[in-house]
């Protein structure tokens, strides 16, 4: 087995053979590296104990930076190594987060089922929308908080935290004759945020989380999703520049720290800048608290049903 080294340690230089295969110059320095959580944390600029970030990409997680190792076996929360020795990411994961919205696009929002009532592409040259996600953000913003009573559970590939169950599945709960697909799509975003709030509250049982949450990943590109996360968690939410590439940013900062011989935490603290800030709208607290209460009950009420259907 190779020696265990730090993320910022130089391990060697790119060989000529590897460089030729990659189309790069030989001799480029190669460093220890690390995993996605480790680098996203650095790229998010959450580098002081107690700093909390939320990531939404295909999966999602809540992570709080800590200066000691701890885990919560009951809630399936682990302590992942940081890019600096002696620090850890207290990490709670949701298996499918942004993947749920992707599922919506593929199965609920395509032209042939009519969410575009005028039957044109929303990304045409003259359109104000860069992507379908931008369009959907505007559409779900027409739906009132609470999605007209519809609740979605984002467990499309089972779940890991705060309960581990590969049989758990997604569901739309409380559909009624007056509900439409805009309600359903907004419920998906709210459901992801409800689960992230659940993870945040689980972390609070063992560590102190920050009053301000850094929200990163592709999910943070939507101002609607950012505001929903703030409203549902009751926390001030910040986004950063290059949020969709935040893992690559963290990787670059680790390499830069190794090359320059600097402290990677200081480098991240100095270079990662806040782009937007969102504050919770307290007018929506009562309805979100009500729906969240129901959301948390849905797994316990259906665990046996999931097992019966999916084993």
C-alpha atoms as a PDB file:
ATOM      1  CA  UNK A   1       0.000   0.000   0.000  1.00  0.00           C
ATOM      2  CA  UNK A   2       1.257   3.557  -0.672  1.00  0.00           C
ATOM      3  CA  UNK A   3       2.217   5.892   2.137  1.00  0.00           C
ATOM      4  CA  UNK A   4      -0.527   8.061   3.612  1.00  0.00           C
ATOM      5  CA  UNK A   5       0.185  11.706   2.772  1.00  0.00           C
ATOM      6  CA  UNK A   6      -1.504  15.083   3.049  1.00  0.00           C
ATOM      7  CA  UNK A   7      -3.654  16.519   0.245  1.00  0.00           C
ATOM      8  CA  UNK A   8      -1.122  19.275  -0.399  1.00  0.00           C
ATOM      9  CA  UNK A   9       1.951  17.001  -0.477  1.00  0.00           C
ATOM     10  CA  UNK A  10       3.906  16.739  -3.724  1.00  0.00           C
ATOM     11  CA  UNK A  11       3.976  13.058  -4.750  1.00  0.00           C
ATOM     12  CA  UNK A  12       5.931  13.410  -7.976  1.00  0.00           C
ATOM     13  CA  UNK A  13       5.713  14.800 -11.472  1.00  0.00           C
ATOM     14  CA  UNK A  14       3.738  13.749 -14.508  1.00  0.00           C
ATOM     15  CA  UNK A  15       5.631  11.164 -16.531  1.00  0.00           C
ATOM     16  CA  UNK A  16       6.213  11.669 -20.245  1.00  0.00           C
ATOM     17  CA  UNK A  17       4.046   8.659 -21.091  1.00  0.00           C
ATOM     18  CA  UNK A  18       1.119   9.935 -19.022  1.00  0.00           C
ATOM     19  CA  UNK A  19       1.608  13.464 -20.336  1.00  0.00           C
ATOM     20  CA  UNK A  20       1.493  12.260 -23.948  1.00  0.00           C
ATOM     21  CA  UNK A  21      -1.699  10.314 -23.311  1.00  0.00           C
ATOM     22  CA  UNK A  22      -3.349  13.327 -21.623  1.00  0.00           C
ATOM     23  CA  UNK A  23      -2.073  15.941 -24.040  1.00  0.00           C
ATOM     24  CA  UNK A  24      -0.186  17.758 -21.291  1.00  0.00           C
ATOM     25  CA  UNK A  25       3.398  18.804 -20.623  1.00  0.00           C
ATOM     26  CA  UNK A  26       5.637  16.327 -18.858  1.00  0.00           C
ATOM     27  CA  UNK A  27       6.933  17.191 -15.418  1.00  0.00           C
ATOM     28  CA  UNK A  28       3.760  18.871 -14.121  1.00  0.00           C
ATOM     29  CA  UNK A  29       3.722  18.528 -10.306  1.00  0.00           C
ATOM     30  CA  UNK A  30       1.201  16.021  -8.917  1.00  0.00           C
ATOM     31  CA  UNK A  31      -0.237  16.365  -5.405  1.00  0.00           C
ATOM     32  CA  UNK A  32      -1.924  14.082  -2.916  1.00  0.00           C
ATOM     33  CA  UNK A  33      -5.481  15.176  -3.723  1.00  0.00           C
ATOM     34  CA  UNK A  34      -8.667  14.023  -2.027  1.00  0.00           C
ATOM     35  CA  UNK A  35     -12.384  13.347  -2.410  1.00  0.00           C
ATOM     36  CA  UNK A  36     -15.303  15.437  -3.587  1.00  0.00           C
ATOM     37  CA  UNK A  37     -16.530  16.449  -0.124  1.00  0.00           C
ATOM     38  CA  UNK A  38     -13.039  17.498   0.903  1.00  0.00           C
ATOM     39  CA  UNK A  39     -12.560  19.752  -2.113  1.00  0.00           C
ATOM     40  CA  UNK A  40     -16.102  21.174  -2.213  1.00  0.00           C
ATOM     41  CA  UNK A  41     -15.636  22.284   1.379  1.00  0.00           C
ATOM     42  CA  UNK A  42     -12.483  24.214   0.439  1.00  0.00           C
ATOM     43  CA  UNK A  43     -14.093  25.635  -2.713  1.00  0.00           C
ATOM     44  CA  UNK A  44     -17.081  26.791  -0.659  1.00  0.00           C
ATOM     45  CA  UNK A  45     -14.792  28.759   1.645  1.00  0.00           C
ATOM     46  CA  UNK A  46     -16.129  26.993   4.753  1.00  0.00           C
ATOM     47  CA  UNK A  47     -12.799  26.661   6.511  1.00  0.00           C
ATOM     48  CA  UNK A  48     -13.402  27.713  10.112  1.00  0.00           C
ATOM     49  CA  UNK A  49     -14.793  25.279  12.706  1.00  0.00           C
ATOM     50  CA  UNK A  50     -18.579  25.531  12.679  1.00  0.00           C
ATOM     51  CA  UNK A  51     -18.859  26.720   9.062  1.00  0.00           C
ATOM     52  CA  UNK A  52     -21.676  24.845   7.336  1.00  0.00           C
ATOM     53  CA  UNK A  53     -22.240  24.373   3.627  1.00  0.00           C
ATOM     54  CA  UNK A  54     -24.979  22.653   1.647  1.00  0.00           C
ATOM     55  CA  UNK A  55     -24.209  21.116  -1.721  1.00  0.00           C
ATOM     56  CA  UNK A  56     -26.780  20.205  -4.364  1.00  0.00           C
ATOM     57  CA  UNK A  57     -25.601  18.453  -7.500  1.00  0.00           C
ATOM     58  CA  UNK A  58     -26.815  15.007  -8.581  1.00  0.00           C
ATOM     59  CA  UNK A  59     -26.708  14.116  -4.884  1.00  0.00           C
ATOM     60  CA  UNK A  60     -26.790  16.542  -1.989  1.00  0.00           C
ATOM     61  CA  UNK A  61     -25.349  16.956   1.464  1.00  0.00           C
ATOM     62  CA  UNK A  62     -24.973  19.098   4.553  1.00  0.00           C
ATOM     63  CA  UNK A  63     -21.427  19.446   5.871  1.00  0.00           C
ATOM     64  CA  UNK A  64     -20.072  21.299   8.895  1.00  0.00           C
ATOM     65  CA  UNK A  65     -16.353  21.951   9.298  1.00  0.00           C
ATOM     66  CA  UNK A  66     -15.002  20.727  12.652  1.00  0.00           C
ATOM     67  CA  UNK A  67     -11.645  20.469  14.420  1.00  0.00           C
ATOM     68  CA  UNK A  68     -12.239  17.007  15.913  1.00  0.00           C
ATOM     69  CA  UNK A  69     -13.456  13.650  14.620  1.00  0.00           C
ATOM     70  CA  UNK A  70     -17.017  12.603  15.390  1.00  0.00           C
ATOM     71  CA  UNK A  71     -19.733  10.450  13.844  1.00  0.00           C
ATOM     72  CA  UNK A  72     -23.419   9.752  14.498  1.00  0.00           C
ATOM     73  CA  UNK A  73     -24.103   6.083  13.818  1.00  0.00           C
ATOM     74  CA  UNK A  74     -27.821   6.477  14.553  1.00  0.00           C
ATOM     75  CA  UNK A  75     -28.279   9.153  11.891  1.00  0.00           C
ATOM     76  CA  UNK A  76     -25.582   7.800   9.532  1.00  0.00           C
ATOM     77  CA  UNK A  77     -23.475  10.982   9.674  1.00  0.00           C
ATOM     78  CA  UNK A  78     -19.726  10.578   9.199  1.00  0.00           C
ATOM     79  CA  UNK A  79     -16.609  12.666   9.728  1.00  0.00           C
ATOM     80  CA  UNK A  80     -14.744  12.977   6.404  1.00  0.00           C
ATOM     81  CA  UNK A  81     -11.092  14.045   6.389  1.00  0.00           C
ATOM     82  CA  UNK A  82     -10.392  17.665   5.503  1.00  0.00           C
ATOM     83  CA  UNK A  83      -7.711  18.955   3.179  1.00  0.00           C
ATOM     84  CA  UNK A  84      -5.791  19.961   6.325  1.00  0.00           C
ATOM     85  CA  UNK A  85      -4.699  17.478   8.962  1.00  0.00           C
ATOM     86  CA  UNK A  86      -6.678  17.681  12.204  1.00  0.00           C
ATOM     87  CA  UNK A  87      -9.862  19.004  10.590  1.00  0.00           C
ATOM     88  CA  UNK A  88     -12.944  17.125   9.392  1.00  0.00           C
ATOM     89  CA  UNK A  89     -16.203  17.541   7.506  1.00  0.00           C
ATOM     90  CA  UNK A  90     -19.202  16.366   9.537  1.00  0.00           C
ATOM     91  CA  UNK A  91     -21.105  15.086   6.536  1.00  0.00           C
ATOM     92  CA  UNK A  92     -24.743  14.010   6.046  1.00  0.00           C
ATOM     93  CA  UNK A  93     -25.792  12.893   2.553  1.00  0.00           C
ATOM     94  CA  UNK A  94     -28.965  12.765   0.474  1.00  0.00           C
ATOM     95  CA  UNK A  95     -28.540  10.261  -2.377  1.00  0.00           C
ATOM     96  CA  UNK A  96     -30.658  12.125  -4.951  1.00  0.00           C
ATOM     97  CA  UNK A  97     -31.070  15.903  -4.841  1.00  0.00           C
ATOM     98  CA  UNK A  98     -30.567  17.625  -8.212  1.00  0.00           C
ATOM     99  CA  UNK A  99     -31.262  14.213  -9.759  1.00  0.00           C
ATOM    100  CA  UNK A 100     -34.873  14.634  -8.635  1.00  0.00           C
ATOM    101  CA  UNK A 101     -35.278  17.817 -10.670  1.00  0.00           C
ATOM    102  CA  UNK A 102     -33.608  16.094 -13.630  1.00  0.00           C
ATOM    103  CA  UNK A 103     -36.208  13.348 -13.279  1.00  0.00           C
ATOM    104  CA  UNK A 104     -38.914  16.020 -13.352  1.00  0.00           C
ATOM    105  CA  UNK A 105     -37.545  17.500 -16.549  1.00  0.00           C
ATOM    106  CA  UNK A 106     -37.464  14.107 -18.245  1.00  0.00           C
ATOM    107  CA  UNK A 107     -40.873  12.910 -17.051  1.00  0.00           C
ATOM    108  CA  UNK A 108     -43.028  15.919 -16.164  1.00  0.00           C
ATOM    109  CA  UNK A 109     -41.827  19.014 -17.990  1.00  0.00           C
ATOM    110  CA  UNK A 110     -41.143  18.016 -21.579  1.00  0.00           C
ATOM    111  CA  UNK A 111     -42.992  19.590 -24.514  1.00  0.00           C
ATOM    112  CA  UNK A 112     -45.128  16.592 -25.300  1.00  0.00           C
ATOM    113  CA  UNK A 113     -46.839  16.725 -21.921  1.00  0.00           C
ATOM    114  CA  UNK A 114     -47.446  20.396 -22.264  1.00  0.00           C
ATOM    115  CA  UNK A 115     -45.720  22.505 -19.634  1.00  0.00           C
ATOM    116  CA  UNK A 116     -44.660  24.736 -22.531  1.00  0.00           C
ATOM    117  CA  UNK A 117     -48.127  25.681 -23.591  1.00  0.00           C
ATOM    118  CA  UNK A 118     -46.874  27.415 -26.749  1.00  0.00           C
ATOM    119  CA  UNK A 119     -44.836  24.369 -27.847  1.00  0.00           C
ATOM    120  CA  UNK A 120     -41.523  26.127 -28.496  1.00  0.00           C
ATOM    121  CA  UNK A 121     -38.073  25.576 -27.078  1.00  0.00           C
ATOM    122  CA  UNK A 122     -37.406  27.862 -24.142  1.00  0.00           C
ATOM    123  CA  UNK A 123     -33.727  28.152 -25.081  1.00  0.00           C
ATOM    124  CA  UNK A 124     -34.276  29.587 -28.571  1.00  0.00           C
ATOM    125  CA  UNK A 125     -31.997  32.449 -29.653  1.00  0.00           C
ATOM    126  CA  UNK A 126     -34.439  35.178 -28.609  1.00  0.00           C
ATOM    127  CA  UNK A 127     -35.296  33.516 -25.301  1.00  0.00           C
ATOM    128  CA  UNK A 128     -34.223  34.967 -21.957  1.00  0.00           C
ATOM    129  CA  UNK A 129     -33.585  31.442 -20.685  1.00  0.00           C
ATOM    130  CA  UNK A 130     -30.161  29.825 -20.852  1.00  0.00           C
ATOM    131  CA  UNK A 131     -31.484  26.413 -19.847  1.00  0.00           C
ATOM    132  CA  UNK A 132     -34.686  24.550 -19.074  1.00  0.00           C
ATOM    133  CA  UNK A 133     -33.772  24.807 -15.394  1.00  0.00           C
ATOM    134  CA  UNK A 134     -34.041  28.610 -15.606  1.00  0.00           C
ATOM    135  CA  UNK A 135     -37.484  28.312 -17.180  1.00  0.00           C
ATOM    136  CA  UNK A 136     -38.684  25.861 -14.541  1.00  0.00           C
ATOM    137  CA  UNK A 137     -37.462  28.182 -11.787  1.00  0.00           C
ATOM    138  CA  UNK A 138     -39.700  30.932 -13.143  1.00  0.00           C
ATOM    139  CA  UNK A 139     -42.627  28.540 -13.546  1.00  0.00           C
ATOM    140  CA  UNK A 140     -42.486  27.116 -10.012  1.00  0.00           C
ATOM    141  CA  UNK A 141     -42.169  30.631  -8.636  1.00  0.00           C
ATOM    142  CA  UNK A 142     -45.775  31.135  -9.779  1.00  0.00           C
ATOM    143  CA  UNK A 143     -46.858  28.480  -7.260  1.00  0.00           C
ATOM    144  CA  UNK A 144     -47.409  29.593  -3.650  1.00  0.00           C
ATOM    145  CA  UNK A 145     -45.164  28.309  -0.826  1.00  0.00           C
ATOM    146  CA  UNK A 146     -46.201  24.827   0.201  1.00  0.00           C
ATOM    147  CA  UNK A 147     -46.958  23.750  -3.398  1.00  0.00           C
ATOM    148  CA  UNK A 148     -50.716  23.897  -2.795  1.00  0.00           C
ATOM    149  CA  UNK A 149     -50.421  21.023  -0.330  1.00  0.00           C
ATOM    150  CA  UNK A 150     -48.299  18.648  -2.423  1.00  0.00           C
ATOM    151  CA  UNK A 151     -45.251  17.080  -0.746  1.00  0.00           C
ATOM    152  CA  UNK A 152     -42.483  15.127  -2.488  1.00  0.00           C
ATOM    153  CA  UNK A 153     -39.978  12.729  -0.914  1.00  0.00           C
ATOM    154  CA  UNK A 154     -36.580  12.836  -2.727  1.00  0.00           C
ATOM    155  CA  UNK A 155     -35.575   9.214  -2.165  1.00  0.00           C
ATOM    156  CA  UNK A 156     -35.377   8.105  -5.795  1.00  0.00           C
ATOM    157  CA  UNK A 157     -32.339   5.888  -5.127  1.00  0.00           C
ATOM    158  CA  UNK A 158     -33.076   4.928  -1.549  1.00  0.00           C
ATOM    159  CA  UNK A 159     -31.708   7.031   1.302  1.00  0.00           C
ATOM    160  CA  UNK A 160     -28.691   7.181   3.581  1.00  0.00           C
ATOM    161  CA  UNK A 161     -29.245   9.838   6.269  1.00  0.00           C
ATOM    162  CA  UNK A 162     -30.885  10.238   8.750  1.00  0.00           C
ATOM    163  CA  UNK A 163     -32.199   6.743   7.983  1.00  0.00           C
ATOM    164  CA  UNK A 164     -30.459   4.189   5.772  1.00  0.00           C
ATOM    165  CA  UNK A 165     -32.890   2.308   3.574  1.00  0.00           C
ATOM    166  CA  UNK A 166     -32.181   1.216   0.007  1.00  0.00           C
ATOM    167  CA  UNK A 167     -35.884   0.358  -0.370  1.00  0.00           C
ATOM    168  CA  UNK A 168     -37.133   3.911   0.242  1.00  0.00           C
ATOM    169  CA  UNK A 169     -38.644   5.612  -2.792  1.00  0.00           C
ATOM    170  CA  UNK A 170     -39.885   8.960  -3.958  1.00  0.00           C
ATOM    171  CA  UNK A 171     -43.544   9.856  -3.726  1.00  0.00           C
ATOM    172  CA  UNK A 172     -45.923  12.708  -4.386  1.00  0.00           C
ATOM    173  CA  UNK A 173     -48.184  12.957  -1.359  1.00  0.00           C
ATOM    174  CA  UNK A 174     -51.579  14.685  -1.160  1.00  0.00           C
ATOM    175  CA  UNK A 175     -52.300  15.174  -4.868  1.00  0.00           C
ATOM    176  CA  UNK A 176     -55.811  16.495  -5.416  1.00  0.00           C
ATOM    177  CA  UNK A 177     -57.899  17.279  -8.457  1.00  0.00           C
ATOM    178  CA  UNK A 178     -56.878  20.952  -8.473  1.00  0.00           C
ATOM    179  CA  UNK A 179     -53.123  20.273  -8.464  1.00  0.00           C
ATOM    180  CA  UNK A 180     -51.060  20.584 -11.631  1.00  0.00           C
ATOM    181  CA  UNK A 181     -47.529  19.771 -12.660  1.00  0.00           C
ATOM    182  CA  UNK A 182     -46.211  23.165 -11.565  1.00  0.00           C
ATOM    183  CA  UNK A 183     -47.299  22.246  -8.032  1.00  0.00           C
ATOM    184  CA  UNK A 184     -45.517  18.914  -8.422  1.00  0.00           C
ATOM    185  CA  UNK A 185     -42.289  20.422  -9.707  1.00  0.00           C
ATOM    186  CA  UNK A 186     -42.187  23.024  -6.949  1.00  0.00           C
ATOM    187  CA  UNK A 187     -42.890  20.238  -4.451  1.00  0.00           C
ATOM    188  CA  UNK A 188     -39.778  18.431  -5.715  1.00  0.00           C
ATOM    189  CA  UNK A 189     -37.559  21.441  -4.947  1.00  0.00           C
ATOM    190  CA  UNK A 190     -39.266  21.956  -1.598  1.00  0.00           C
ATOM    191  CA  UNK A 191     -38.896  18.238  -0.795  1.00  0.00           C
ATOM    192  CA  UNK A 192     -35.138  18.371  -1.405  1.00  0.00           C
ATOM    193  CA  UNK A 193     -34.942  21.436   0.857  1.00  0.00           C
ATOM    194  CA  UNK A 194     -37.055  19.722   3.540  1.00  0.00           C
ATOM    195  CA  UNK A 195     -34.652  16.785   3.564  1.00  0.00           C
ATOM    196  CA  UNK A 196     -31.633  19.100   3.741  1.00  0.00           C
ATOM    197  CA  UNK A 197     -33.265  20.861   6.708  1.00  0.00           C
ATOM    198  CA  UNK A 198     -33.691  17.438   8.330  1.00  0.00           C
ATOM    199  CA  UNK A 199     -29.980  16.714   7.831  1.00  0.00           C
ATOM    200  CA  UNK A 200     -29.072  20.133   9.212  1.00  0.00           C
ATOM    201  CA  UNK A 201     -31.152  19.520  12.341  1.00  0.00           C
ATOM    202  CA  UNK A 202     -29.544  16.095  12.785  1.00  0.00           C
ATOM    203  CA  UNK A 203     -26.088  17.684  12.642  1.00  0.00           C
ATOM    204  CA  UNK A 204     -27.116  20.228  15.275  1.00  0.00           C
ATOM    205  CA  UNK A 205     -27.511  17.414  17.805  1.00  0.00           C
ATOM    206  CA  UNK A 206     -23.735  16.856  17.891  1.00  0.00           C
ATOM    207  CA  UNK A 207     -22.036  19.954  16.449  1.00  0.00           C
ATOM    208  CA  UNK A 208     -22.688  23.683  16.243  1.00  0.00           C
ATOM    209  CA  UNK A 209     -23.745  24.686  12.743  1.00  0.00           C
ATOM    210  CA  UNK A 210     -23.375  28.209  11.345  1.00  0.00           C
ATOM    211  CA  UNK A 211     -26.207  30.733  11.207  1.00  0.00           C
ATOM    212  CA  UNK A 212     -25.194  31.471   7.618  1.00  0.00           C
ATOM    213  CA  UNK A 213     -25.140  28.547   5.181  1.00  0.00           C
ATOM    214  CA  UNK A 214     -22.980  28.486   2.054  1.00  0.00           C
ATOM    215  CA  UNK A 215     -25.072  26.942  -0.716  1.00  0.00           C
ATOM    216  CA  UNK A 216     -22.978  25.489  -3.561  1.00  0.00           C
ATOM    217  CA  UNK A 217     -23.220  23.167  -6.554  1.00  0.00           C
ATOM    218  CA  UNK A 218     -25.408  23.371  -9.639  1.00  0.00           C
ATOM    219  CA  UNK A 219     -28.523  23.721  -7.475  1.00  0.00           C
ATOM    220  CA  UNK A 220     -27.268  27.074  -6.238  1.00  0.00           C
ATOM    221  CA  UNK A 221     -27.475  28.526  -9.764  1.00  0.00           C
ATOM    222  CA  UNK A 222     -31.230  28.976  -9.268  1.00  0.00           C
ATOM    223  CA  UNK A 223     -32.148  32.059  -7.236  1.00  0.00           C
ATOM    224  CA  UNK A 224     -35.550  30.436  -6.609  1.00  0.00           C
ATOM    225  CA  UNK A 225     -33.914  27.334  -5.091  1.00  0.00           C
ATOM    226  CA  UNK A 226     -31.627  29.565  -2.999  1.00  0.00           C
ATOM    227  CA  UNK A 227     -34.570  31.493  -1.585  1.00  0.00           C
ATOM    228  CA  UNK A 228     -36.523  28.294  -0.934  1.00  0.00           C
ATOM    229  CA  UNK A 229     -33.573  26.822   0.964  1.00  0.00           C
ATOM    230  CA  UNK A 230     -33.328  29.985   3.062  1.00  0.00           C
ATOM    231  CA  UNK A 231     -37.073  30.064   3.768  1.00  0.00           C
ATOM    232  CA  UNK A 232     -37.315  26.368   4.650  1.00  0.00           C
ATOM    233  CA  UNK A 233     -34.190  26.181   6.845  1.00  0.00           C
ATOM    234  CA  UNK A 234     -34.705  29.634   8.374  1.00  0.00           C
ATOM    235  CA  UNK A 235     -31.040  30.403   7.707  1.00  0.00           C
ATOM    236  CA  UNK A 236     -29.288  33.177   5.831  1.00  0.00           C
ATOM    237  CA  UNK A 237     -27.910  31.618   2.632  1.00  0.00           C
ATOM    238  CA  UNK A 238     -24.830  32.720   0.694  1.00  0.00           C
ATOM    239  CA  UNK A 239     -23.688  31.623  -2.760  1.00  0.00           C
ATOM    240  CA  UNK A 240     -20.182  31.940  -4.207  1.00  0.00           C
ATOM    241  CA  UNK A 241     -18.704  32.563  -7.643  1.00  0.00           C
ATOM    242  CA  UNK A 242     -18.292  29.544  -9.960  1.00  0.00           C
ATOM    243  CA  UNK A 243     -20.645  27.579  -7.735  1.00  0.00           C
ATOM    244  CA  UNK A 244     -21.188  24.745 -10.232  1.00  0.00           C
ATOM    245  CA  UNK A 245     -17.414  24.168 -10.386  1.00  0.00           C
ATOM    246  CA  UNK A 246     -16.833  24.561  -6.656  1.00  0.00           C
ATOM    247  CA  UNK A 247     -15.183  21.131  -6.393  1.00  0.00           C
ATOM    248  CA  UNK A 248     -12.695  22.059  -9.120  1.00  0.00           C
ATOM    249  CA  UNK A 249     -12.093  25.401  -7.374  1.00  0.00           C
ATOM    250  CA  UNK A 250     -11.300  23.555  -4.141  1.00  0.00           C
ATOM    251  CA  UNK A 251      -8.952  21.212  -6.003  1.00  0.00           C
ATOM    252  CA  UNK A 252      -7.122  24.165  -7.548  1.00  0.00           C
ATOM    253  CA  UNK A 253      -6.790  25.828  -4.136  1.00  0.00           C
ATOM    254  CA  UNK A 254      -5.295  22.666  -2.628  1.00  0.00           C
ATOM    255  CA  UNK A 255      -2.768  22.428  -5.473  1.00  0.00           C
ATOM    256  CA  UNK A 256      -1.992  26.154  -5.201  1.00  0.00           C
ATOM    257  CA  UNK A 257      -1.393  25.774  -1.469  1.00  0.00           C
ATOM    258  CA  UNK A 258       0.972  22.865  -2.154  1.00  0.00           C
ATOM    259  CA  UNK A 259       2.923  24.789  -4.797  1.00  0.00           C
ATOM    260  CA  UNK A 260       3.150  28.000  -2.773  1.00  0.00           C
ATOM    261  CA  UNK A 261       3.700  26.320   0.587  1.00  0.00           C
ATOM    262  CA  UNK A 262       0.707  28.184   2.046  1.00  0.00           C
ATOM    263  CA  UNK A 263      -1.975  27.105   4.493  1.00  0.00           C
ATOM    264  CA  UNK A 264      -4.870  25.846   2.353  1.00  0.00           C
ATOM    265  CA  UNK A 265      -7.486  27.148   4.800  1.00  0.00           C
ATOM    266  CA  UNK A 266      -6.040  30.666   4.732  1.00  0.00           C
ATOM    267  CA  UNK A 267      -5.877  30.552   0.940  1.00  0.00           C
ATOM    268  CA  UNK A 268      -9.524  29.520   0.669  1.00  0.00           C
ATOM    269  CA  UNK A 269     -10.614  32.108   3.212  1.00  0.00           C
ATOM    270  CA  UNK A 270      -8.838  34.817   1.236  1.00  0.00           C
ATOM    271  CA  UNK A 271      -9.874  33.881  -2.299  1.00  0.00           C
ATOM    272  CA  UNK A 272     -13.425  32.463  -2.126  1.00  0.00           C
ATOM    273  CA  UNK A 273     -15.877  35.365  -2.404  1.00  0.00           C
ATOM    274  CA  UNK A 274     -19.603  35.638  -1.702  1.00  0.00           C
ATOM    275  CA  UNK A 275     -21.737  36.404  -4.757  1.00  0.00           C
ATOM    276  CA  UNK A 276     -25.339  36.614  -3.476  1.00  0.00           C
ATOM    277  CA  UNK A 277     -27.082  36.607  -0.103  1.00  0.00           C
ATOM    278  CA  UNK A 278     -30.621  35.368   0.641  1.00  0.00           C
ATOM    279  CA  UNK A 279     -32.562  35.954   3.862  1.00  0.00           C
ATOM    280  CA  UNK A 280     -35.506  33.840   5.059  1.00  0.00           C
ATOM    281  CA  UNK A 281     -38.987  35.226   4.525  1.00  0.00           C
ATOM    282  CA  UNK A 282     -40.657  34.682   7.892  1.00  0.00           C
ATOM    283  CA  UNK A 283     -44.114  35.127   6.349  1.00  0.00           C
ATOM    284  CA  UNK A 284     -43.822  31.591   4.954  1.00  0.00           C
ATOM    285  CA  UNK A 285     -42.516  29.925   8.123  1.00  0.00           C
ATOM    286  CA  UNK A 286     -45.859  28.544   9.339  1.00  0.00           C
ATOM    287  CA  UNK A 287     -46.748  26.778   6.086  1.00  0.00           C
ATOM    288  CA  UNK A 288     -43.243  25.363   5.606  1.00  0.00           C
ATOM    289  CA  UNK A 289     -43.112  24.137   9.206  1.00  0.00           C
ATOM    290  CA  UNK A 290     -46.482  22.420   8.705  1.00  0.00           C
ATOM    291  CA  UNK A 291     -45.407  20.677   5.498  1.00  0.00           C
ATOM    292  CA  UNK A 292     -42.033  19.758   6.976  1.00  0.00           C
ATOM    293  CA  UNK A 293     -43.771  18.069   9.907  1.00  0.00           C
ATOM    294  CA  UNK A 294     -45.732  15.895   7.474  1.00  0.00           C
ATOM    295  CA  UNK A 295     -42.643  15.298   5.319  1.00  0.00           C
ATOM    296  CA  UNK A 296     -40.721  13.732   8.212  1.00  0.00           C
ATOM    297  CA  UNK A 297     -43.626  11.397   8.992  1.00  0.00           C
ATOM    298  CA  UNK A 298     -43.836   9.982   5.476  1.00  0.00           C
ATOM    299  CA  UNK A 299     -40.887   7.595   5.776  1.00  0.00           C
ATOM    300  CA  UNK A 300     -41.939   6.142   9.102  1.00  0.00           C
ATOM    301  CA  UNK A 301     -45.500   5.697   7.806  1.00  0.00           C
ATOM    302  CA  UNK A 302     -44.343   3.949   4.632  1.00  0.00           C
ATOM    303  CA  UNK A 303     -41.182   2.042   5.559  1.00  0.00           C
ATOM    304  CA  UNK A 304     -42.996  -1.304   5.562  1.00  0.00           C
ATOM    305  CA  UNK A 305     -44.713  -0.466   2.275  1.00  0.00           C
ATOM    306  CA  UNK A 306     -41.357   0.359   0.651  1.00  0.00           C
ATOM    307  CA  UNK A 307     -39.944  -2.930   1.926  1.00  0.00           C
ATOM    308  CA  UNK A 308     -42.921  -4.886   0.593  1.00  0.00           C
ATOM    309  CA  UNK A 309     -42.647  -3.331  -2.862  1.00  0.00           C
ATOM    310  CA  UNK A 310     -38.890  -3.094  -3.321  1.00  0.00           C
ATOM    311  CA  UNK A 311     -37.298  -6.235  -1.875  1.00  0.00           C
END
